[in-house]
Amino acid sequence: MNLPVLKAADFASDQDVRWCPGCGDYSILAQMKKILPDLGVPREKTVFVSGIGCSSRFPYYMNTYGMHSIHGRAPTFATGLKSTRPDLMVWVITGDGDALSIGGNHFIHCLRRNLDVNIVLFNNRIYGLTKGQYSPTSTEGQVTKSTPMGAIDHPLSPLSVALAAEATFVARSIDAHVQHLGKTLKAAAEHKGTSLVEVYQNCNVFNDGAMAYAQERKQRADNVIELEHGKPLIFGAERDKGIRLVGSHLEVVNTADVPADDLLIHDAHDPNPSIQMMLARMRYPDMPEPIGVLRSVAGVATYNDQINEQVTQAKAARGEGDLSKLFRSGDTWEVTA
């Protein structure tokens, strides 16, 4: 039987999209709907799980299964779902506050377990849904409604957190760089294991232009470096700047001043995340910020495969089991009036 060929419009729900006009979330939604038909996974086998925040309205706008769950706990729901239904393609939609503040613990453990799910983290460096408080990724000195004298917290880097947890797929893209965003989301979906895609997403109401250096095309070339596995790290509007490794640190060089083999060659497949961590720590304005796939390591066992293998082994050794009998076994007692 020939299955119907799906198009991007087939993944759009009948719900009105209720983000603010001009919000970067629209771009992420559009690229997600665009890449899903290419993955060949039926809508009834696709699930979006979200927490709380502006980004977390995402499941309502997808014509798939979805769950709008609890603040910071989307990875927990996704873990149970993927473990019991490994045939499903599961996406976790979250934001910088949802994932890195109240949900930080769940986020880290999902990454280290290598659960076969895809996490898309919308990073706008602000709490948008609650109207403009600072978030775990807000920059030092940032003035918000909850930091009138400027934020004094050091911002978290989602990429650094993921690499420290030795996630097997770590990437970054930008809402305004739509072709790159679509390509990055597709690469994440095709990876077996936990994939994290951080997306720089503009909140044009409460933090407009915070990442203009990366989002605006006329600025992007000099402030962002697009990573490609096996390719030298070169950037700049004239493609005349590069990155080289000197001892234990990275530095920017003019390509005309150094031999070509001095430039760092990006290795996304290296199991050792040390240099990938150096790339994640490159911050504007001192260094160009990396976008693309920082890390993609194959062949690491997934949590859902391993837990289902244990279930299979337990059934082979002890049979299917009887839940009613289990409840009445071991230490039991009666409560009397």
C-alpha atoms as a PDB file:
ATOM      1  CA  MET A   1       0.000   0.000   0.000  1.00  0.00           C
ATOM      2  CA  ASN A   2       1.360   3.410  -0.969  1.00  0.00           C
ATOM      3  CA  LEU A   3       1.277   5.881   1.902  1.00  0.00           C
ATOM      4  CA  PRO A   4       0.279   9.495   1.169  1.00  0.00           C
ATOM      5  CA  VAL A   5       3.154  11.900   0.592  1.00  0.00           C
ATOM      6  CA  LEU A   6       3.065  14.475   3.370  1.00  0.00           C
ATOM      7  CA  LYS A   7       3.774  18.163   2.920  1.00  0.00           C
ATOM      8  CA  ALA A   8       4.611  20.916   5.377  1.00  0.00           C
ATOM      9  CA  ALA A   9       0.968  22.024   5.469  1.00  0.00           C
ATOM     10  CA  ASP A  10      -0.065  18.554   6.627  1.00  0.00           C
ATOM     11  CA  PHE A  11       1.807  19.145   9.891  1.00  0.00           C
ATOM     12  CA  ALA A  12      -0.009  22.413  10.650  1.00  0.00           C
ATOM     13  CA  SER A  13      -2.838  22.144  13.176  1.00  0.00           C
ATOM     14  CA  ASP A  14      -6.101  24.083  13.058  1.00  0.00           C
ATOM     15  CA  GLN A  15      -5.115  26.209  16.072  1.00  0.00           C
ATOM     16  CA  ASP A  16      -4.462  29.936  15.790  1.00  0.00           C
ATOM     17  CA  VAL A  17      -0.796  30.665  16.448  1.00  0.00           C
ATOM     18  CA  ARG A  18      -0.706  33.030  19.409  1.00  0.00           C
ATOM     19  CA  TRP A  19       2.840  34.254  19.620  1.00  0.00           C
ATOM     20  CA  CYS A  20       3.528  37.963  19.398  1.00  0.00           C
ATOM     21  CA  PRO A  21       3.791  39.286  15.836  1.00  0.00           C
ATOM     22  CA  GLY A  22       7.446  39.212  14.806  1.00  0.00           C
ATOM     23  CA  CYS A  23       8.451  36.562  17.361  1.00  0.00           C
ATOM     24  CA  GLY A  24      11.299  34.276  16.315  1.00  0.00           C
ATOM     25  CA  ASP A  25       9.207  31.252  17.299  1.00  0.00           C
ATOM     26  CA  TYR A  26       7.335  31.514  13.996  1.00  0.00           C
ATOM     27  CA  SER A  27      10.518  30.760  12.081  1.00  0.00           C
ATOM     28  CA  ILE A  28      11.285  27.658  14.160  1.00  0.00           C
ATOM     29  CA  LEU A  29       7.725  26.405  13.702  1.00  0.00           C
ATOM     30  CA  ALA A  30       7.908  26.940   9.935  1.00  0.00           C
ATOM     31  CA  GLN A  31      11.217  25.115   9.567  1.00  0.00           C
ATOM     32  CA  MET A  32      10.024  22.230  11.720  1.00  0.00           C
ATOM     33  CA  LYS A  33       6.954  21.733   9.523  1.00  0.00           C
ATOM     34  CA  LYS A  34       9.165  21.985   6.456  1.00  0.00           C
ATOM     35  CA  ILE A  35      11.658  19.263   7.450  1.00  0.00           C
ATOM     36  CA  LEU A  36       9.237  16.721   8.936  1.00  0.00           C
ATOM     37  CA  PRO A  37       7.953  15.379   5.568  1.00  0.00           C
ATOM     38  CA  ASP A  38      11.549  14.564   4.569  1.00  0.00           C
ATOM     39  CA  LEU A  39      12.002  12.355   7.639  1.00  0.00           C
ATOM     40  CA  GLY A  40       9.328   9.920   6.493  1.00  0.00           C
ATOM     41  CA  VAL A  41       7.795   9.469   9.939  1.00  0.00           C
ATOM     42  CA  PRO A  42       3.972   9.381  10.005  1.00  0.00           C
ATOM     43  CA  ARG A  43       2.195  12.074  11.990  1.00  0.00           C
ATOM     44  CA  GLU A  44       0.709   9.469  14.308  1.00  0.00           C
ATOM     45  CA  LYS A  45       4.262   8.365  15.181  1.00  0.00           C
ATOM     46  CA  THR A  46       5.450  11.890  15.954  1.00  0.00           C
ATOM     47  CA  VAL A  47       5.114  13.526  19.375  1.00  0.00           C
ATOM     48  CA  PHE A  48       6.038  16.990  20.652  1.00  0.00           C
ATOM     49  CA  VAL A  49       6.425  17.374  24.415  1.00  0.00           C
ATOM     50  CA  SER A  50       6.844  20.814  25.957  1.00  0.00           C
ATOM     51  CA  GLY A  51       7.156  22.373  29.387  1.00  0.00           C
ATOM     52  CA  ILE A  52       6.036  25.902  30.247  1.00  0.00           C
ATOM     53  CA  GLY A  53       6.871  29.137  28.450  1.00  0.00           C
ATOM     54  CA  CYS A  54       6.220  30.874  25.147  1.00  0.00           C
ATOM     55  CA  SER A  55       8.015  28.098  23.262  1.00  0.00           C
ATOM     56  CA  SER A  56       5.890  25.485  24.981  1.00  0.00           C
ATOM     57  CA  ARG A  57       2.756  26.351  23.009  1.00  0.00           C
ATOM     58  CA  PHE A  58       4.471  24.554  20.131  1.00  0.00           C
ATOM     59  CA  PRO A  59       2.566  21.221  20.416  1.00  0.00           C
ATOM     60  CA  TYR A  60      -0.755  23.009  19.835  1.00  0.00           C
ATOM     61  CA  TYR A  61       0.434  24.148  16.424  1.00  0.00           C
ATOM     62  CA  MET A  62       1.578  20.744  15.160  1.00  0.00           C
ATOM     63  CA  ASN A  63      -0.834  18.261  13.597  1.00  0.00           C
ATOM     64  CA  THR A  64       0.779  15.389  15.499  1.00  0.00           C
ATOM     65  CA  TYR A  65       0.470  13.993  18.977  1.00  0.00           C
ATOM     66  CA  GLY A  66       1.661  16.353  21.674  1.00  0.00           C
ATOM     67  CA  MET A  67       1.808  17.072  25.368  1.00  0.00           C
ATOM     68  CA  HIS A  68       1.952  20.433  27.135  1.00  0.00           C
ATOM     69  CA  SER A  69       3.471  19.205  30.368  1.00  0.00           C
ATOM     70  CA  ILE A  70       4.866  20.640  33.621  1.00  0.00           C
ATOM     71  CA  HIS A  71       7.384  23.431  34.040  1.00  0.00           C
ATOM     72  CA  GLY A  72      10.876  22.034  33.434  1.00  0.00           C
ATOM     73  CA  ARG A  73       9.685  18.421  33.292  1.00  0.00           C
ATOM     74  CA  ALA A  74       9.295  17.870  29.546  1.00  0.00           C
ATOM     75  CA  PRO A  75      12.416  15.621  29.447  1.00  0.00           C
ATOM     76  CA  THR A  76      10.877  13.468  32.178  1.00  0.00           C
ATOM     77  CA  PHE A  77       7.656  12.933  30.246  1.00  0.00           C
ATOM     78  CA  ALA A  78       9.693  12.292  27.100  1.00  0.00           C
ATOM     79  CA  THR A  79      11.795   9.687  28.918  1.00  0.00           C
ATOM     80  CA  GLY A  80       8.733   7.693  29.957  1.00  0.00           C
ATOM     81  CA  LEU A  81       7.165   8.000  26.526  1.00  0.00           C
ATOM     82  CA  LYS A  82      10.238   7.005  24.517  1.00  0.00           C
ATOM     83  CA  SER A  83      11.063   4.153  26.903  1.00  0.00           C
ATOM     84  CA  THR A  84       7.612   2.593  26.584  1.00  0.00           C
ATOM     85  CA  ARG A  85       7.048   3.518  22.940  1.00  0.00           C
ATOM     86  CA  PRO A  86      10.479   3.397  21.274  1.00  0.00           C
ATOM     87  CA  ASP A  87       8.790   3.384  17.864  1.00  0.00           C
ATOM     88  CA  LEU A  88       7.827   7.057  18.269  1.00  0.00           C
ATOM     89  CA  MET A  89       9.859  10.087  17.146  1.00  0.00           C
ATOM     90  CA  VAL A  90       9.840  12.341  20.195  1.00  0.00           C
ATOM     91  CA  TRP A  91      10.700  16.046  20.241  1.00  0.00           C
ATOM     92  CA  VAL A  92      11.166  18.099  23.402  1.00  0.00           C
ATOM     93  CA  ILE A  93      10.391  21.796  22.963  1.00  0.00           C
ATOM     94  CA  THR A  94      11.753  24.036  25.694  1.00  0.00           C
ATOM     95  CA  GLY A  95      13.198  27.462  26.452  1.00  0.00           C
ATOM     96  CA  ASP A  96      16.157  28.885  28.349  1.00  0.00           C
ATOM     97  CA  GLY A  97      14.102  29.316  31.524  1.00  0.00           C
ATOM     98  CA  ASP A  98      12.177  26.066  31.292  1.00  0.00           C
ATOM     99  CA  ALA A  99      15.249  23.924  30.548  1.00  0.00           C
ATOM    100  CA  LEU A 100      18.021  25.636  32.480  1.00  0.00           C
ATOM    101  CA  SER A 101      16.300  26.952  35.609  1.00  0.00           C
ATOM    102  CA  ILE A 102      13.526  24.833  37.104  1.00  0.00           C
ATOM    103  CA  GLY A 103      14.238  22.052  34.596  1.00  0.00           C
ATOM    104  CA  GLY A 104      18.031  22.034  34.788  1.00  0.00           C
ATOM    105  CA  ASN A 105      18.254  18.711  36.600  1.00  0.00           C
ATOM    106  CA  HIS A 106      15.944  16.920  34.167  1.00  0.00           C
ATOM    107  CA  PHE A 107      17.686  18.492  31.172  1.00  0.00           C
ATOM    108  CA  ILE A 108      21.141  17.291  32.248  1.00  0.00           C
ATOM    109  CA  HIS A 109      20.057  13.739  33.013  1.00  0.00           C
ATOM    110  CA  CYS A 110      18.222  13.389  29.717  1.00  0.00           C
ATOM    111  CA  LEU A 111      21.421  14.400  27.924  1.00  0.00           C
ATOM    112  CA  ARG A 112      23.733  12.086  29.858  1.00  0.00           C
ATOM    113  CA  ARG A 113      21.410   9.094  29.459  1.00  0.00           C
ATOM    114  CA  ASN A 114      21.437   9.459  25.663  1.00  0.00           C
ATOM    115  CA  LEU A 115      17.692   8.968  25.359  1.00  0.00           C
ATOM    116  CA  ASP A 116      16.762   8.897  21.667  1.00  0.00           C
ATOM    117  CA  VAL A 117      14.843  12.193  21.609  1.00  0.00           C
ATOM    118  CA  ASN A 118      15.414  15.585  20.017  1.00  0.00           C
ATOM    119  CA  ILE A 119      15.557  18.674  22.258  1.00  0.00           C
ATOM    120  CA  VAL A 120      15.024  22.100  20.710  1.00  0.00           C
ATOM    121  CA  LEU A 121      15.917  24.872  23.158  1.00  0.00           C
ATOM    122  CA  PHE A 122      14.592  28.318  22.226  1.00  0.00           C
ATOM    123  CA  ASN A 123      17.083  30.764  23.737  1.00  0.00           C
ATOM    124  CA  ASN A 124      15.958  34.406  23.865  1.00  0.00           C
ATOM    125  CA  ARG A 125      17.822  35.261  27.079  1.00  0.00           C
ATOM    126  CA  ILE A 126      14.664  36.445  28.828  1.00  0.00           C
ATOM    127  CA  TYR A 127      11.473  35.199  30.468  1.00  0.00           C
ATOM    128  CA  GLY A 128       8.891  36.183  27.861  1.00  0.00           C
ATOM    129  CA  LEU A 129       5.713  34.516  29.089  1.00  0.00           C
ATOM    130  CA  THR A 130       5.967  36.217  32.500  1.00  0.00           C
ATOM    131  CA  LYS A 131       6.707  39.552  30.812  1.00  0.00           C
ATOM    132  CA  GLY A 132      10.405  40.259  30.928  1.00  0.00           C
ATOM    133  CA  GLN A 133      12.372  38.901  33.880  1.00  0.00           C
ATOM    134  CA  TYR A 134      15.996  37.807  33.483  1.00  0.00           C
ATOM    135  CA  SER A 135      16.693  34.156  32.660  1.00  0.00           C
ATOM    136  CA  PRO A 136      19.637  31.767  33.201  1.00  0.00           C
ATOM    137  CA  THR A 137      21.110  32.879  29.852  1.00  0.00           C
ATOM    138  CA  SER A 138      20.661  36.637  30.324  1.00  0.00           C
ATOM    139  CA  THR A 139      23.935  38.526  30.037  1.00  0.00           C
ATOM    140  CA  GLU A 140      25.709  40.089  32.999  1.00  0.00           C
ATOM    141  CA  GLY A 141      24.500  43.627  33.537  1.00  0.00           C
ATOM    142  CA  GLN A 142      21.262  43.058  31.616  1.00  0.00           C
ATOM    143  CA  VAL A 143      18.513  45.335  32.946  1.00  0.00           C
ATOM    144  CA  THR A 144      15.150  43.598  33.197  1.00  0.00           C
ATOM    145  CA  LYS A 145      12.030  43.921  35.349  1.00  0.00           C
ATOM    146  CA  SER A 146      13.602  41.646  37.964  1.00  0.00           C
ATOM    147  CA  THR A 147      17.130  43.101  37.650  1.00  0.00           C
ATOM    148  CA  PRO A 148      16.613  46.896  37.577  1.00  0.00           C
ATOM    149  CA  MET A 149      20.283  47.486  38.425  1.00  0.00           C
ATOM    150  CA  GLY A 150      21.550  44.832  36.035  1.00  0.00           C
ATOM    151  CA  ALA A 151      21.879  41.045  36.293  1.00  0.00           C
ATOM    152  CA  ILE A 152      24.794  39.855  38.425  1.00  0.00           C
ATOM    153  CA  ASP A 153      24.458  36.133  37.624  1.00  0.00           C
ATOM    154  CA  HIS A 154      26.940  34.569  35.229  1.00  0.00           C
ATOM    155  CA  PRO A 155      24.948  33.280  32.230  1.00  0.00           C
ATOM    156  CA  LEU A 156      24.705  29.583  31.525  1.00  0.00           C
ATOM    157  CA  SER A 157      25.758  28.269  28.114  1.00  0.00           C
ATOM    158  CA  PRO A 158      23.373  25.509  26.963  1.00  0.00           C
ATOM    159  CA  LEU A 159      26.080  24.127  24.668  1.00  0.00           C
ATOM    160  CA  SER A 160      28.653  23.946  27.464  1.00  0.00           C
ATOM    161  CA  VAL A 161      26.172  22.243  29.785  1.00  0.00           C
ATOM    162  CA  ALA A 162      25.339  19.676  27.104  1.00  0.00           C
ATOM    163  CA  LEU A 163      28.987  18.965  26.299  1.00  0.00           C
ATOM    164  CA  ALA A 164      29.831  18.625  29.992  1.00  0.00           C
ATOM    165  CA  ALA A 165      27.085  15.992  30.201  1.00  0.00           C
ATOM    166  CA  GLU A 166      28.710  14.339  27.134  1.00  0.00           C
ATOM    167  CA  ALA A 167      25.580  14.600  25.018  1.00  0.00           C
ATOM    168  CA  THR A 168      26.109  12.804  21.721  1.00  0.00           C
ATOM    169  CA  PHE A 169      24.673  15.557  19.478  1.00  0.00           C
ATOM    170  CA  VAL A 170      25.058  19.255  20.236  1.00  0.00           C
ATOM    171  CA  ALA A 171      24.243  22.049  17.784  1.00  0.00           C
ATOM    172  CA  ARG A 172      23.203  25.684  17.517  1.00  0.00           C
ATOM    173  CA  SER A 173      21.270  27.621  14.912  1.00  0.00           C
ATOM    174  CA  ILE A 174      19.516  30.981  14.506  1.00  0.00           C
ATOM    175  CA  ASP A 175      15.841  31.750  13.908  1.00  0.00           C
ATOM    176  CA  ALA A 176      16.614  34.238  11.130  1.00  0.00           C
ATOM    177  CA  HIS A 177      19.028  31.905   9.308  1.00  0.00           C
ATOM    178  CA  VAL A 178      16.210  29.712   8.048  1.00  0.00           C
ATOM    179  CA  GLN A 179      18.090  27.394   5.689  1.00  0.00           C
ATOM    180  CA  HIS A 180      20.703  26.667   8.321  1.00  0.00           C
ATOM    181  CA  LEU A 181      17.986  26.119  10.938  1.00  0.00           C
ATOM    182  CA  GLY A 182      16.132  23.598   8.795  1.00  0.00           C
ATOM    183  CA  LYS A 183      19.316  21.706   7.974  1.00  0.00           C
ATOM    184  CA  THR A 184      20.319  21.595  11.644  1.00  0.00           C
ATOM    185  CA  LEU A 185      16.916  20.353  12.832  1.00  0.00           C
ATOM    186  CA  LYS A 186      16.987  17.606  10.208  1.00  0.00           C
ATOM    187  CA  ALA A 187      20.478  16.510  11.270  1.00  0.00           C
ATOM    188  CA  ALA A 188      19.298  16.352  14.880  1.00  0.00           C
ATOM    189  CA  ALA A 189      16.303  14.201  13.943  1.00  0.00           C
ATOM    190  CA  GLU A 190      18.514  11.766  12.034  1.00  0.00           C
ATOM    191  CA  HIS A 191      20.863  11.259  15.002  1.00  0.00           C
ATOM    192  CA  LYS A 192      20.335   8.185  17.186  1.00  0.00           C
ATOM    193  CA  GLY A 193      20.570   9.391  20.760  1.00  0.00           C
ATOM    194  CA  THR A 194      19.823  12.649  22.521  1.00  0.00           C
ATOM    195  CA  SER A 195      20.188  15.627  20.216  1.00  0.00           C
ATOM    196  CA  LEU A 196      20.221  19.214  21.441  1.00  0.00           C
ATOM    197  CA  VAL A 197      19.655  22.160  19.139  1.00  0.00           C
ATOM    198  CA  GLU A 198      19.957  25.566  20.773  1.00  0.00           C
ATOM    199  CA  VAL A 199      18.219  28.202  18.656  1.00  0.00           C
ATOM    200  CA  TYR A 200      18.967  31.878  19.077  1.00  0.00           C
ATOM    201  CA  GLN A 201      15.416  33.235  19.047  1.00  0.00           C
ATOM    202  CA  ASN A 202      14.570  36.910  19.135  1.00  0.00           C
ATOM    203  CA  CYS A 203      11.976  38.110  21.662  1.00  0.00           C
ATOM    204  CA  ASN A 204      11.015  41.321  19.920  1.00  0.00           C
ATOM    205  CA  VAL A 205       8.883  42.507  22.859  1.00  0.00           C
ATOM    206  CA  PHE A 206      11.071  42.011  25.943  1.00  0.00           C
ATOM    207  CA  ASN A 207      14.619  41.516  24.586  1.00  0.00           C
ATOM    208  CA  ASP A 208      14.591  42.773  21.026  1.00  0.00           C
ATOM    209  CA  GLY A 209      17.918  42.688  19.211  1.00  0.00           C
ATOM    210  CA  ALA A 210      19.803  40.943  22.009  1.00  0.00           C
ATOM    211  CA  MET A 211      21.457  38.674  19.434  1.00  0.00           C
ATOM    212  CA  ALA A 212      21.341  41.004  16.435  1.00  0.00           C
ATOM    213  CA  TYR A 213      25.072  40.431  15.949  1.00  0.00           C
ATOM    214  CA  ALA A 214      24.212  36.862  14.939  1.00  0.00           C
ATOM    215  CA  GLN A 215      20.708  37.242  13.545  1.00  0.00           C
ATOM    216  CA  GLU A 216      21.141  40.173  11.185  1.00  0.00           C
ATOM    217  CA  ARG A 217      22.622  39.077   7.876  1.00  0.00           C
ATOM    218  CA  LYS A 218      24.853  42.151   7.502  1.00  0.00           C
ATOM    219  CA  GLN A 219      26.467  41.491  10.900  1.00  0.00           C
ATOM    220  CA  ARG A 220      26.405  37.697  10.967  1.00  0.00           C
ATOM    221  CA  ALA A 221      29.374  36.985   8.689  1.00  0.00           C
ATOM    222  CA  ASP A 222      31.878  38.711  10.988  1.00  0.00           C
ATOM    223  CA  ASN A 223      30.393  37.519  14.281  1.00  0.00           C
ATOM    224  CA  VAL A 224      29.378  33.919  13.582  1.00  0.00           C
ATOM    225  CA  ILE A 225      31.315  30.922  12.311  1.00  0.00           C
ATOM    226  CA  GLU A 226      29.457  28.096  10.575  1.00  0.00           C
ATOM    227  CA  LEU A 227      30.890  24.733  11.579  1.00  0.00           C
ATOM    228  CA  GLU A 228      31.211  21.914   9.067  1.00  0.00           C
ATOM    229  CA  HIS A 229      32.761  18.589   9.972  1.00  0.00           C
ATOM    230  CA  GLY A 230      36.135  18.117   8.304  1.00  0.00           C
ATOM    231  CA  LYS A 231      36.369  21.746   7.173  1.00  0.00           C
ATOM    232  CA  PRO A 232      38.697  24.507   8.447  1.00  0.00           C
ATOM    233  CA  LEU A 233      37.179  27.174  10.664  1.00  0.00           C
ATOM    234  CA  ILE A 234      36.940  30.227   8.407  1.00  0.00           C
ATOM    235  CA  PHE A 235      34.605  33.211   8.721  1.00  0.00           C
ATOM    236  CA  GLY A 236      34.217  36.883   7.846  1.00  0.00           C
ATOM    237  CA  ALA A 237      32.377  38.786   5.143  1.00  0.00           C
ATOM    238  CA  GLU A 238      35.475  38.325   2.957  1.00  0.00           C
ATOM    239  CA  ARG A 239      36.211  34.824   4.292  1.00  0.00           C
ATOM    240  CA  ASP A 240      39.549  36.197   5.440  1.00  0.00           C
ATOM    241  CA  LYS A 241      39.534  35.186   9.106  1.00  0.00           C
ATOM    242  CA  GLY A 242      40.085  31.832  10.729  1.00  0.00           C
ATOM    243  CA  ILE A 243      40.472  30.031  14.042  1.00  0.00           C
ATOM    244  CA  ARG A 244      43.586  28.180  15.104  1.00  0.00           C
ATOM    245  CA  LEU A 245      44.474  26.207  18.209  1.00  0.00           C
ATOM    246  CA  VAL A 246      47.452  27.559  20.132  1.00  0.00           C
ATOM    247  CA  GLY A 247      48.314  25.430  23.120  1.00  0.00           C
ATOM    248  CA  SER A 248      45.123  25.151  25.133  1.00  0.00           C
ATOM    249  CA  HIS A 249      43.228  28.089  23.651  1.00  0.00           C
ATOM    250  CA  LEU A 250      41.728  29.278  20.374  1.00  0.00           C
ATOM    251  CA  GLU A 251      42.617  32.496  18.607  1.00  0.00           C
ATOM    252  CA  VAL A 252      41.424  34.483  15.602  1.00  0.00           C
ATOM    253  CA  VAL A 253      43.911  34.908  12.757  1.00  0.00           C
ATOM    254  CA  ASN A 254      43.936  36.503   9.325  1.00  0.00           C
ATOM    255  CA  THR A 255      44.032  33.682   6.807  1.00  0.00           C
ATOM    256  CA  ALA A 256      46.563  35.587   4.680  1.00  0.00           C
ATOM    257  CA  ASP A 257      49.044  35.615   7.576  1.00  0.00           C
ATOM    258  CA  VAL A 258      49.140  31.900   8.422  1.00  0.00           C
ATOM    259  CA  PRO A 259      49.595  28.642   6.489  1.00  0.00           C
ATOM    260  CA  ALA A 260      46.310  26.950   5.596  1.00  0.00           C
ATOM    261  CA  ASP A 261      47.193  23.921   7.720  1.00  0.00           C
ATOM    262  CA  ASP A 262      47.448  26.154  10.793  1.00  0.00           C
ATOM    263  CA  LEU A 263      43.673  26.540  10.835  1.00  0.00           C
ATOM    264  CA  LEU A 264      41.665  24.289  13.107  1.00  0.00           C
ATOM    265  CA  ILE A 265      39.764  21.534  11.293  1.00  0.00           C
ATOM    266  CA  HIS A 266      36.394  20.901  12.880  1.00  0.00           C
ATOM    267  CA  ASP A 267      35.887  17.342  14.134  1.00  0.00           C
ATOM    268  CA  ALA A 268      32.273  16.876  15.216  1.00  0.00           C
ATOM    269  CA  HIS A 269      32.781  13.119  15.568  1.00  0.00           C
ATOM    270  CA  ASP A 270      35.569  13.225  18.152  1.00  0.00           C
ATOM    271  CA  PRO A 271      34.317  11.398  21.290  1.00  0.00           C
ATOM    272  CA  ASN A 272      36.550  13.666  23.393  1.00  0.00           C
ATOM    273  CA  PRO A 273      34.578  16.919  23.806  1.00  0.00           C
ATOM    274  CA  SER A 274      37.552  19.080  24.833  1.00  0.00           C
ATOM    275  CA  ILE A 275      37.945  21.099  21.621  1.00  0.00           C
ATOM    276  CA  GLN A 276      34.181  21.113  21.087  1.00  0.00           C
ATOM    277  CA  MET A 277      33.921  22.721  24.524  1.00  0.00           C
ATOM    278  CA  MET A 278      36.451  25.361  23.480  1.00  0.00           C
ATOM    279  CA  LEU A 279      34.241  26.151  20.483  1.00  0.00           C
ATOM    280  CA  ALA A 280      31.145  26.386  22.700  1.00  0.00           C
ATOM    281  CA  ARG A 281      32.958  28.897  24.900  1.00  0.00           C
ATOM    282  CA  MET A 282      33.669  31.303  22.020  1.00  0.00           C
ATOM    283  CA  ARG A 283      31.555  34.363  22.845  1.00  0.00           C
ATOM    284  CA  TYR A 284      30.799  37.582  21.040  1.00  0.00           C
ATOM    285  CA  PRO A 285      32.362  40.192  20.940  1.00  0.00           C
ATOM    286  CA  ASP A 286      35.743  38.633  21.683  1.00  0.00           C
ATOM    287  CA  MET A 287      35.287  35.676  19.342  1.00  0.00           C
ATOM    288  CA  PRO A 288      32.863  34.619  16.624  1.00  0.00           C
ATOM    289  CA  GLU A 289      30.112  32.383  18.006  1.00  0.00           C
ATOM    290  CA  PRO A 290      29.745  28.912  16.474  1.00  0.00           C
ATOM    291  CA  ILE A 291      26.613  27.678  14.754  1.00  0.00           C
ATOM    292  CA  GLY A 292      26.049  24.261  13.238  1.00  0.00           C
ATOM    293  CA  VAL A 293      26.832  20.846  14.676  1.00  0.00           C
ATOM    294  CA  LEU A 294      29.532  21.015  17.350  1.00  0.00           C
ATOM    295  CA  ARG A 295      29.290  17.349  18.255  1.00  0.00           C
ATOM    296  CA  SER A 296      27.793  14.256  16.623  1.00  0.00           C
ATOM    297  CA  VAL A 297      29.037  10.973  18.034  1.00  0.00           C
ATOM    298  CA  ALA A 298      27.476   7.750  16.787  1.00  0.00           C
ATOM    299  CA  GLY A 299      27.436   4.263  18.256  1.00  0.00           C
ATOM    300  CA  VAL A 300      26.628   5.161  21.867  1.00  0.00           C
ATOM    301  CA  ALA A 301      23.917   2.986  23.400  1.00  0.00           C
ATOM    302  CA  THR A 302      20.630   4.758  24.038  1.00  0.00           C
ATOM    303  CA  TYR A 303      18.748   4.715  27.323  1.00  0.00           C
ATOM    304  CA  ASN A 304      15.539   3.466  25.731  1.00  0.00           C
ATOM    305  CA  ASP A 305      17.278   0.560  23.968  1.00  0.00           C
ATOM    306  CA  GLN A 306      19.031  -0.513  27.151  1.00  0.00           C
ATOM    307  CA  ILE A 307      15.987  -0.325  29.405  1.00  0.00           C
ATOM    308  CA  ASN A 308      13.912  -2.329  26.926  1.00  0.00           C
ATOM    309  CA  GLU A 309      16.669  -4.913  26.693  1.00  0.00           C
ATOM    310  CA  GLN A 310      16.520  -5.287  30.484  1.00  0.00           C
ATOM    311  CA  VAL A 311      12.741  -5.741  30.297  1.00  0.00           C
ATOM    312  CA  THR A 312      13.193  -8.441  27.639  1.00  0.00           C
ATOM    313  CA  GLN A 313      15.785 -10.225  29.763  1.00  0.00           C
ATOM    314  CA  ALA A 314      13.574 -10.039  32.866  1.00  0.00           C
ATOM    315  CA  LYS A 315      10.613 -11.497  30.969  1.00  0.00           C
ATOM    316  CA  ALA A 316      12.767 -14.305  29.601  1.00  0.00           C
ATOM    317  CA  ALA A 317      13.990 -15.187  33.076  1.00  0.00           C
ATOM    318  CA  ARG A 318      10.787 -14.707  35.076  1.00  0.00           C
ATOM    319  CA  GLY A 319       7.899 -14.641  32.641  1.00  0.00           C
ATOM    320  CA  GLU A 320       5.452 -11.837  31.913  1.00  0.00           C
ATOM    321  CA  GLY A 321       4.703 -11.221  35.575  1.00  0.00           C
ATOM    322  CA  ASP A 322       1.447 -10.592  37.409  1.00  0.00           C
ATOM    323  CA  LEU A 323       0.840  -7.086  38.760  1.00  0.00           C
ATOM    324  CA  SER A 324      -1.935  -8.216  41.111  1.00  0.00           C
ATOM    325  CA  LYS A 325       0.312 -10.920  42.527  1.00  0.00           C
ATOM    326  CA  LEU A 326       3.158  -8.431  42.935  1.00  0.00           C
ATOM    327  CA  PHE A 327       0.947  -6.102  44.972  1.00  0.00           C
ATOM    328  CA  ARG A 328       0.186  -8.947  47.374  1.00  0.00           C
ATOM    329  CA  SER A 329       3.729 -10.254  47.739  1.00  0.00           C
ATOM    330  CA  GLY A 330       6.560  -9.371  50.079  1.00  0.00           C
ATOM    331  CA  ASP A 331       5.860  -7.309  53.167  1.00  0.00           C
ATOM    332  CA  THR A 332       2.121  -6.703  53.349  1.00  0.00           C
ATOM    333  CA  TRP A 333      -0.135  -5.772  56.230  1.00  0.00           C
ATOM    334  CA  GLU A 334      -3.749  -5.062  57.012  1.00  0.00           C
ATOM    335  CA  VAL A 335      -5.025  -1.843  58.518  1.00  0.00           C
ATOM    336  CA  THR A 336      -7.923  -2.263  60.909  1.00  0.00           C
ATOM    337  CA  ALA A 337     -10.115   0.361  62.529  1.00  0.00           C
END
